[in-house]
């Protein structure tokens, strides 16, 4: 049986060739139409079925992609390539255990294919089984000593197991075999970081991004390397990364607990006003900490965007997002200035907090899948920003309405105005849950 790699070198139809061009340009939605035509013309082509299944998964149409791979297996149950395609699709769907089973079936049909051994090693690594990955790559490299997949995942397994010198030796060999491979540069960069040489890793990550601007692993590695270049830069990045890990509900629990504690202290210290400034300072620290935790990831990206090398660590979407973050943060600063200048702190400060929360919403917009979900998240964010901006107008209208109707007390009106001011905060606070809800309901055809 021919090896997995050899299947990719057979002649292509016009439609399949065009689809491959579009895939290489990242235009997967356009490639899909050509792949379907190619599949209709050559229903027994393993490579077309593979490309169609993988493209569907990249378009977040996982079930369709799995169905294509399973259909090819049903048509030819003894086809190792078809089983390997299913394994790869399952890996891309984060179903590593099922992927291992599919690759094992492929190897049972074609035990001499080193590439399938490399794919199985990847599945073991994704299932946190580095020793199994090491054993599988040893078998694959006995078949083909220069197989890049086996070498790559062997290096990664060695790195996980703390054998950095052996891992780096393989990475350097891979780079000698193919110096124009983006992933080879990225892998060596990670080896250098692990060895405590992050400055030397920066050129490799930059070269990886030059060769493939869509290499997210290289972008993240570059960001990590930059942290070590400046102590202040490193301190700030480490802080934002630590804040990023704080769960939303943990933030809410900490905030609620702090407010209850501070309220109790305020009542206890009323007889001794000397401590009241300290208490107010503590409140400011709590609020600031919660707000920073909420927008830690956007702040991390803003910080990177102001660094010449750091900008290369950000994708095009992330760079666009940083501009909108800065607009929203500028709105927050203007509201704070307004409050301090007029001495009327309640409404301006509430609006400032609203704009900071909207930074989180902007982050969710650019995290969402382009198309159906991103459009709706953008509309929701724009609507929330408008609501936050117009909250003083609504408050004035409510007061005028109360005066016109001869309301006996303005307290209920003020409470209603405050509740309206809280609406943007609530929407923004739950924006990640809203995005996940929209993602689950995103139509396949989008």
Protein backbone atom coordinates (compact mmCIF):
# COMPACT_ATOMS: atom_id res chain seq x y z
CA UNK A 1 0.00 0.00 0.00
CA UNK A 2 1.38 3.46 -0.86
CA UNK A 3 2.44 5.68 2.03
CA UNK A 4 0.26 8.51 3.29
CA UNK A 5 2.55 11.22 1.89
CA UNK A 6 2.67 9.69 -1.59
CA UNK A 7 -1.09 10.10 -1.97
CA UNK A 8 -0.68 13.89 -1.95
CA UNK A 9 1.60 13.91 -4.99
CA UNK A 10 -0.88 12.45 -7.48
CA UNK A 11 -2.21 14.65 -10.26
CA UNK A 12 -5.03 17.04 -9.32
CA UNK A 13 -8.14 18.03 -11.19
CA UNK A 14 -8.64 21.69 -12.10
CA UNK A 15 -11.20 22.14 -9.27
CA UNK A 16 -8.98 20.45 -6.69
CA UNK A 17 -5.97 22.52 -7.74
CA UNK A 18 -7.98 25.73 -7.37
CA UNK A 19 -9.27 24.59 -3.96
CA UNK A 20 -5.70 23.96 -2.79
CA UNK A 21 -4.70 27.47 -3.88
CA UNK A 22 -7.57 28.97 -1.89
CA UNK A 23 -6.76 26.83 1.17
CA UNK A 24 -3.14 28.03 1.07
CA UNK A 25 -4.47 31.61 1.06
CA UNK A 26 -6.69 30.88 4.08
CA UNK A 27 -9.87 31.26 2.00
CA UNK A 28 -11.50 28.05 3.22
CA UNK A 29 -15.12 29.07 2.60
CA UNK A 30 -14.36 29.72 -1.10
CA UNK A 31 -12.36 26.49 -1.36
CA UNK A 32 -15.34 24.47 -0.13
CA UNK A 33 -17.32 24.93 -3.37
CA UNK A 34 -14.39 23.70 -5.52
CA UNK A 35 -13.77 20.74 -3.19
CA UNK A 36 -17.40 19.63 -3.47
CA UNK A 37 -17.15 19.77 -7.27
CA UNK A 38 -13.88 17.83 -7.20
CA UNK A 39 -15.40 15.24 -4.86
CA UNK A 40 -18.40 14.82 -7.19
CA UNK A 41 -16.05 14.21 -10.13
CA UNK A 42 -13.69 11.87 -8.22
CA UNK A 43 -15.66 10.28 -5.35
CA UNK A 44 -12.91 7.69 -4.75
CA UNK A 45 -10.12 10.24 -4.27
CA UNK A 46 -8.65 9.95 -0.78
CA UNK A 47 -6.89 13.31 -0.98
CA UNK A 48 -10.04 15.22 -2.01
CA UNK A 49 -12.00 13.56 0.79
CA UNK A 50 -9.19 14.48 3.20
CA UNK A 51 -9.09 18.14 2.06
CA UNK A 52 -12.90 18.41 2.17
CA UNK A 53 -13.13 16.93 5.69
CA UNK A 54 -10.32 19.13 7.08
CA UNK A 55 -11.73 22.27 5.42
CA UNK A 56 -15.17 21.66 6.92
CA UNK A 57 -13.61 21.37 10.38
CA UNK A 58 -11.68 24.61 9.85
CA UNK A 59 -15.00 26.26 9.00
CA UNK A 60 -16.37 24.98 12.35
CA UNK A 61 -18.57 22.43 10.61
CA UNK A 62 -17.07 19.54 12.53
CA UNK A 63 -19.91 17.04 12.18
CA UNK A 64 -19.93 17.41 8.40
CA UNK A 65 -16.15 16.95 8.30
CA UNK A 66 -16.35 13.79 10.41
CA UNK A 67 -19.19 12.51 8.21
CA UNK A 68 -17.06 12.94 5.05
CA UNK A 69 -14.17 10.97 6.62
CA UNK A 70 -16.50 8.22 7.87
CA UNK A 71 -18.18 7.97 4.47
CA UNK A 72 -14.80 7.38 2.81
CA UNK A 73 -14.09 4.60 5.35
CA UNK A 74 -17.49 3.04 4.61
CA UNK A 75 -16.63 3.07 0.89
CA UNK A 76 -13.20 1.48 1.48
CA UNK A 77 -12.84 -0.02 5.01
CA UNK A 78 -9.27 -1.28 4.38
CA UNK A 79 -7.97 2.16 3.36
CA UNK A 80 -5.32 3.34 5.86
CA UNK A 81 -5.39 6.89 4.44
CA UNK A 82 -9.15 7.17 5.12
CA UNK A 83 -8.70 6.06 8.74
CA UNK A 84 -5.80 8.51 9.16
CA UNK A 85 -7.97 11.31 7.75
CA UNK A 86 -10.66 10.53 10.33
CA UNK A 87 -8.01 10.57 13.07
CA UNK A 88 -6.74 13.98 11.94
CA UNK A 89 -10.26 15.41 11.81
CA UNK A 90 -10.99 14.10 15.31
CA UNK A 91 -7.76 15.66 16.61
CA UNK A 92 -8.80 19.02 15.18
CA UNK A 93 -12.09 18.61 17.05
CA UNK A 94 -10.13 18.09 20.33
CA UNK A 95 -11.15 14.42 20.48
CA UNK A 96 -7.68 12.99 21.03
CA UNK A 97 -8.75 9.60 22.43
CA UNK A 98 -10.93 8.84 19.38
CA UNK A 99 -8.15 10.15 17.13
CA UNK A 100 -5.71 7.66 18.69
CA UNK A 101 -8.12 4.82 17.90
CA UNK A 102 -8.45 5.94 14.27
CA UNK A 103 -4.66 6.19 13.81
CA UNK A 104 -4.21 2.77 15.46
CA UNK A 105 -6.63 1.28 12.91
CA UNK A 106 -4.71 3.03 10.11
CA UNK A 107 -1.41 1.56 11.38
CA UNK A 108 -2.95 -1.91 11.62
CA UNK A 109 -3.67 -1.60 7.89
CA UNK A 110 -0.32 0.00 6.98
CA UNK A 111 2.28 -0.44 9.75
CA UNK A 112 5.13 0.80 7.51
CA UNK A 113 3.82 4.36 7.12
CA UNK A 114 6.03 6.65 9.22
CA UNK A 115 3.70 9.63 8.75
CA UNK A 116 0.83 7.82 10.47
CA UNK A 117 3.20 7.03 13.35
CA UNK A 118 3.88 10.78 13.58
CA UNK A 119 0.16 11.58 13.64
CA UNK A 120 -0.43 8.99 16.36
CA UNK A 121 2.39 10.60 18.37
CA UNK A 122 0.61 13.94 18.04
CA UNK A 123 -2.59 12.34 19.37
CA UNK A 124 -0.69 10.92 22.36
CA UNK A 125 0.80 14.36 23.10
CA UNK A 126 -2.62 16.01 22.97
CA UNK A 127 -3.82 13.35 25.43
CA UNK A 128 -0.85 14.20 27.76
CA UNK A 129 0.95 10.90 27.07
CA UNK A 130 4.51 11.98 26.14
CA UNK A 131 6.08 8.56 26.86
CA UNK A 132 3.69 6.85 24.43
CA UNK A 133 4.44 9.56 21.85
CA UNK A 134 8.17 8.93 22.28
CA UNK A 135 7.74 5.18 21.69
CA UNK A 136 5.60 5.69 18.58
CA UNK A 137 8.06 8.16 17.02
CA UNK A 138 10.92 5.73 17.64
CA UNK A 139 9.06 3.13 15.55
CA UNK A 140 8.27 5.70 12.84
CA UNK A 141 11.87 6.93 12.62
CA UNK A 142 13.11 3.35 12.30
CA UNK A 143 11.03 3.24 9.10
CA UNK A 144 11.99 6.74 7.86
CA UNK A 145 14.77 8.51 9.81
CA UNK A 146 13.97 11.87 8.17
CA UNK A 147 10.18 11.87 8.64
CA UNK A 148 9.41 15.43 9.74
CA UNK A 149 6.23 14.59 11.68
CA UNK A 150 7.98 11.91 13.75
CA UNK A 151 10.93 14.24 14.37
CA UNK A 152 8.67 17.17 15.31
CA UNK A 153 6.51 15.29 17.81
CA UNK A 154 9.51 13.43 19.22
CA UNK A 155 11.13 16.80 19.94
CA UNK A 156 7.92 18.00 21.60
CA UNK A 157 7.64 14.83 23.70
CA UNK A 158 11.26 15.17 24.85
CA UNK A 159 10.61 18.80 25.77
CA UNK A 160 7.57 17.83 27.87
CA UNK A 161 9.67 15.16 29.60
CA UNK A 162 12.35 17.71 30.49
CA UNK A 163 14.97 16.40 28.07
CA UNK A 164 15.62 19.81 26.51
CA UNK A 165 19.09 19.08 25.05
CA UNK A 166 17.86 16.05 23.10
CA UNK A 167 14.82 18.01 21.97
CA UNK A 168 16.93 20.93 20.74
CA UNK A 169 19.21 18.60 18.79
CA UNK A 170 16.18 17.28 16.88
CA UNK A 171 14.86 20.82 16.32
CA UNK A 172 18.18 21.92 14.85
CA UNK A 173 18.21 18.86 12.60
CA UNK A 174 14.69 19.67 11.38
CA UNK A 175 15.80 23.21 10.58
CA UNK A 176 18.73 21.84 8.57
CA UNK A 177 16.38 19.53 6.65
CA UNK A 178 13.96 22.38 5.85
CA UNK A 179 15.10 25.92 6.79
CA UNK A 180 12.01 27.43 5.14
CA UNK A 181 9.50 25.62 7.36
CA UNK A 182 7.74 28.02 9.74
CA UNK A 183 6.98 25.29 12.28
CA UNK A 184 10.64 24.23 12.47
CA UNK A 185 11.65 27.77 13.46
CA UNK A 186 8.81 27.92 15.96
CA UNK A 187 9.80 24.59 17.53
CA UNK A 188 13.43 25.68 17.97
CA UNK A 189 12.20 28.94 19.49
CA UNK A 190 10.30 27.03 22.17
CA UNK A 191 13.35 24.87 22.85
CA UNK A 192 15.42 28.02 23.46
CA UNK A 193 12.77 29.47 25.79
CA UNK A 194 12.74 26.26 27.83
CA UNK A 195 16.55 26.35 27.99
CA UNK A 196 16.45 29.87 29.45
CA UNK A 197 17.57 31.60 26.23
CA UNK A 198 14.46 33.63 25.26
CA UNK A 199 16.41 36.43 23.56
CA UNK A 200 17.88 33.91 21.10
CA UNK A 201 14.36 32.59 20.47
CA UNK A 202 13.02 35.94 19.20
CA UNK A 203 14.66 35.77 15.69
CA UNK A 204 13.30 32.23 15.19
CA UNK A 205 9.74 33.26 16.08
CA UNK A 206 10.00 36.32 13.83
CA UNK A 207 11.27 34.17 10.96
CA UNK A 208 8.44 31.68 11.59
CA UNK A 209 5.92 34.52 11.32
CA UNK A 210 7.61 35.86 8.17
CA UNK A 211 7.28 32.45 6.55
CA UNK A 212 3.72 31.92 7.84
CA UNK A 213 1.90 34.94 9.34
CA UNK A 214 -0.88 32.58 10.50
CA UNK A 215 1.42 30.54 12.76
CA UNK A 216 -0.33 31.22 16.09
CA UNK A 217 2.17 29.11 18.06
CA UNK A 218 5.02 31.32 16.81
CA UNK A 219 3.07 34.47 17.68
CA UNK A 220 2.49 33.26 21.24
CA UNK A 221 6.11 32.18 21.53
CA UNK A 222 7.31 35.61 20.41
CA UNK A 223 5.12 37.25 23.05
CA UNK A 224 6.61 34.95 25.70
CA UNK A 225 10.17 35.72 24.56
CA UNK A 226 9.58 39.46 24.70
CA UNK A 227 8.62 39.20 28.36
CA UNK A 228 12.22 38.48 29.32
CA UNK A 229 13.77 41.35 27.37
CA UNK A 230 12.80 44.17 29.75
CA UNK A 231 12.23 43.68 33.50
CA UNK A 232 9.36 46.22 33.55
CA UNK A 233 7.85 44.82 30.35
CA UNK A 234 8.18 41.31 31.77
CA UNK A 235 6.61 42.34 35.08
CA UNK A 236 3.61 43.95 33.37
CA UNK A 237 3.08 41.06 30.96
CA UNK A 238 3.34 38.52 33.78
CA UNK A 239 0.80 40.53 35.75
CA UNK A 240 -1.68 40.66 32.89
CA UNK A 241 -1.22 36.94 32.18
CA UNK A 242 -1.84 36.13 35.86
CA UNK A 243 -4.97 38.33 35.89
CA UNK A 244 -6.18 36.63 32.68
CA UNK A 245 -6.43 33.33 34.56
CA UNK A 246 -8.94 34.74 37.07
CA UNK A 247 -12.39 33.28 36.42
CA UNK A 248 -15.29 35.74 35.94
CA UNK A 249 -17.30 34.25 38.79
CA UNK A 250 -14.21 34.27 41.02
CA UNK A 251 -13.94 38.02 40.35
CA UNK A 252 -17.61 38.48 41.26
CA UNK A 253 -17.17 36.46 44.45
CA UNK A 254 -14.06 38.43 45.46
CA UNK A 255 -15.80 41.73 44.70
CA UNK A 256 -18.92 40.75 46.68
CA UNK A 257 -16.84 39.53 49.63
CA UNK A 258 -14.69 42.68 49.59
CA UNK A 259 -17.74 44.96 49.46
CA UNK A 260 -19.38 43.17 52.40
CA UNK A 261 -16.14 43.35 54.39
CA UNK A 262 -15.53 47.01 53.58
CA UNK A 263 -19.13 47.90 54.40
CA UNK A 264 -18.78 46.22 57.80
CA UNK A 265 -15.52 48.08 58.44
CA UNK A 266 -17.05 51.38 57.39
CA UNK A 267 -19.81 51.00 59.99
CA UNK A 268 -17.30 49.94 62.64
CA UNK A 269 -14.99 52.92 61.95
CA UNK A 270 -17.63 55.64 61.80
CA UNK A 271 -16.70 56.67 65.34
CA UNK A 272 -13.06 57.06 64.29
CA UNK A 273 -13.00 59.05 60.99
CA UNK A 274 -9.17 58.97 60.88
CA UNK A 275 -9.39 55.56 59.22
CA UNK A 276 -11.97 56.54 56.61
CA UNK A 277 -9.38 57.68 53.97
CA UNK A 278 -7.64 54.32 54.34
CA UNK A 279 -10.98 52.60 53.82
CA UNK A 280 -11.70 54.64 50.69
CA UNK A 281 -8.25 53.75 49.34
CA UNK A 282 -8.98 50.07 49.98
CA UNK A 283 -12.24 50.37 48.01
CA UNK A 284 -10.40 51.95 45.08
CA UNK A 285 -7.81 49.13 45.12
CA UNK A 286 -10.54 46.45 45.11
CA UNK A 287 -12.44 48.07 42.24
CA UNK A 288 -9.25 48.65 40.25
CA UNK A 289 -8.12 45.03 40.77
CA UNK A 290 -11.45 43.61 39.56
CA UNK A 291 -11.54 45.90 36.51
CA UNK A 292 -7.94 45.04 35.58
CA UNK A 293 -8.69 41.32 35.90
CA UNK A 294 -11.71 41.73 33.62
CA UNK A 295 -9.71 43.40 30.82
CA UNK A 296 -6.32 41.75 31.43
CA UNK A 297 -6.14 40.15 27.97
CA UNK A 298 -6.92 43.40 26.09
CA UNK A 299 -4.35 45.25 28.22
CA UNK A 300 -1.80 42.53 27.39
CA UNK A 301 -2.45 43.04 23.66
CA UNK A 302 -2.29 46.84 23.97
CA UNK A 303 1.08 46.56 25.69
CA UNK A 304 2.38 44.29 22.92
CA UNK A 305 1.06 46.64 20.22
CA UNK A 306 3.34 49.44 21.48
CA UNK A 307 6.44 47.26 21.12
CA UNK A 308 8.07 46.99 17.67
CA UNK A 309 8.66 43.24 17.98
CA UNK A 310 5.52 42.74 20.04
CA UNK A 311 3.31 43.86 17.15
CA UNK A 312 4.52 40.83 15.21
CA UNK A 313 3.11 38.64 17.98
CA UNK A 314 -0.40 39.95 17.27
CA UNK A 315 -2.68 38.76 14.49
CA UNK A 316 -4.44 41.22 12.16
CA UNK A 317 -7.65 40.80 14.19
CA UNK A 318 -5.80 41.44 17.45
CA UNK A 319 -4.21 44.62 16.06
CA UNK A 320 -7.63 45.88 14.94
CA UNK A 321 -9.03 45.04 18.37
CA UNK A 322 -6.32 47.08 20.15
CA UNK A 323 -7.44 50.23 18.31
CA UNK A 324 -11.00 49.76 19.57
CA UNK A 325 -9.73 48.99 23.09
CA UNK A 326 -7.93 52.34 23.09
CA UNK A 327 -11.07 54.16 21.89
CA UNK A 328 -13.13 52.63 24.70
CA UNK A 329 -10.45 53.33 27.32
CA UNK A 330 -10.22 56.93 26.07
CA UNK A 331 -13.99 57.19 26.67
CA UNK A 332 -13.47 55.92 30.23
CA UNK A 333 -10.73 58.52 30.88
CA UNK A 334 -12.92 61.34 29.52
CA UNK A 335 -15.74 60.30 31.85
CA UNK A 336 -13.35 60.26 34.82
CA UNK A 337 -12.09 63.74 33.87
CA UNK A 338 -15.70 64.94 33.60
CA UNK A 339 -16.50 63.58 37.05
CA UNK A 340 -13.42 65.09 38.68
CA UNK A 341 -13.93 68.46 36.93
CA UNK A 342 -17.59 68.84 37.91
CA UNK A 343 -17.52 67.10 41.27
CA UNK A 344 -20.54 65.03 40.18
CA UNK A 345 -18.93 61.64 40.44
CA UNK A 346 -21.79 59.11 40.36
CA UNK A 347 -22.93 59.24 36.71
CA UNK A 348 -19.49 59.94 35.13
CA UNK A 349 -17.79 57.22 37.16
CA UNK A 350 -20.55 54.73 36.31
CA UNK A 351 -20.07 55.57 32.62
CA UNK A 352 -16.28 55.19 32.97
CA UNK A 353 -16.73 51.71 34.43
CA UNK A 354 -19.17 50.97 31.58
CA UNK A 355 -16.55 51.86 28.96
CA UNK A 356 -14.00 49.64 30.72
CA UNK A 357 -16.50 46.77 30.64
CA UNK A 358 -17.06 47.46 26.93
CA UNK A 359 -13.35 46.72 26.36
CA UNK A 360 -14.19 43.16 27.45
CA UNK A 361 -17.06 43.07 24.93
CA UNK A 362 -14.76 44.24 22.12
CA UNK A 363 -12.41 41.39 23.03
CA UNK A 364 -15.31 38.94 22.70
CA UNK A 365 -16.20 40.40 19.27
CA UNK A 366 -12.75 39.60 17.89
CA UNK A 367 -12.67 36.20 19.66
CA UNK A 368 -15.89 35.15 17.92
CA UNK A 369 -16.12 33.29 14.63
CA UNK A 370 -16.28 35.73 11.67
CA UNK A 371 -19.70 35.97 10.08
CA UNK A 372 -22.91 35.20 11.94
CA UNK A 373 -21.51 35.34 15.50
CA UNK A 374 -19.11 38.25 15.01
CA UNK A 375 -21.78 40.43 13.37
CA UNK A 376 -24.19 39.88 16.25
CA UNK A 377 -21.52 40.45 18.89
CA UNK A 378 -20.51 43.68 17.11
CA UNK A 379 -24.13 44.89 17.05
CA UNK A 380 -24.54 44.03 20.73
CA UNK A 381 -21.31 45.85 21.62
CA UNK A 382 -22.27 48.96 19.62
CA UNK A 383 -25.72 48.97 21.24
CA UNK A 384 -24.24 48.60 24.73
CA UNK A 385 -21.75 51.43 24.09
CA UNK A 386 -24.61 53.67 22.88
CA UNK A 387 -26.66 52.79 25.96
CA UNK A 388 -23.72 53.64 28.21
CA UNK A 389 -23.10 56.91 26.37
CA UNK A 390 -26.76 57.96 26.55
CA UNK A 391 -27.32 56.96 30.19
CA UNK A 392 -27.12 60.62 31.44
CA UNK A 393 -29.76 61.58 28.86
CA UNK A 394 -32.06 58.82 30.09
CA UNK A 395 -31.51 59.99 33.68
CA UNK A 396 -32.42 63.60 32.80
CA UNK A 397 -35.51 62.43 30.88
CA UNK A 398 -36.63 60.34 33.85
CA UNK A 399 -36.22 63.29 36.23
CA UNK A 400 -38.12 65.62 33.86
CA UNK A 401 -40.87 63.05 33.55
CA UNK A 402 -41.07 62.75 37.36
CA UNK A 403 -41.28 66.55 37.76
CA UNK A 404 -43.93 66.83 35.07
CA UNK A 405 -46.12 64.15 36.63
CA UNK A 406 -45.71 65.73 40.07
CA UNK A 407 -43.98 62.78 41.68
CA UNK A 408 -43.76 63.22 45.48
CA UNK A 409 -40.20 61.87 45.66
CA UNK A 410 -37.32 61.64 43.22
CA UNK A 411 -35.70 58.71 45.04
CA UNK A 412 -37.46 55.99 42.93
CA UNK A 413 -36.48 57.91 39.78
CA UNK A 414 -32.83 58.09 40.86
CA UNK A 415 -32.85 54.36 41.65
CA UNK A 416 -34.32 53.62 38.19
CA UNK A 417 -31.63 55.77 36.57
CA UNK A 418 -28.94 53.89 38.47
CA UNK A 419 -30.43 50.58 37.37
CA UNK A 420 -30.33 51.77 33.74
CA UNK A 421 -26.67 52.62 34.24
CA UNK A 422 -26.06 49.05 35.43
CA UNK A 423 -27.51 47.49 32.25
CA UNK A 424 -24.35 47.99 30.13
CA UNK A 425 -22.26 46.51 32.95
CA UNK A 426 -24.46 43.40 33.13
CA UNK A 427 -24.44 42.88 29.35
CA UNK A 428 -20.66 43.32 29.19
CA UNK A 429 -20.09 41.09 32.22
CA UNK A 430 -21.91 38.22 30.55
CA UNK A 431 -20.63 38.89 27.02
CA UNK A 432 -18.47 35.73 27.01
CA UNK A 433 -21.53 33.62 27.85
CA UNK A 434 -23.52 35.42 25.13
CA UNK A 435 -20.77 34.69 22.59
CA UNK A 436 -20.69 30.99 23.55
CA UNK A 437 -24.49 30.84 23.25
CA UNK A 438 -24.32 32.37 19.75
CA UNK A 439 -21.48 30.01 18.73
CA UNK A 440 -23.60 26.99 19.65
CA UNK A 441 -26.44 28.31 17.51
CA UNK A 442 -24.36 29.41 14.54
CA UNK A 443 -25.81 27.94 11.33
CA UNK A 444 -23.49 25.59 9.42
CA UNK A 445 -24.16 27.49 6.21
CA UNK A 446 -22.73 30.76 7.61
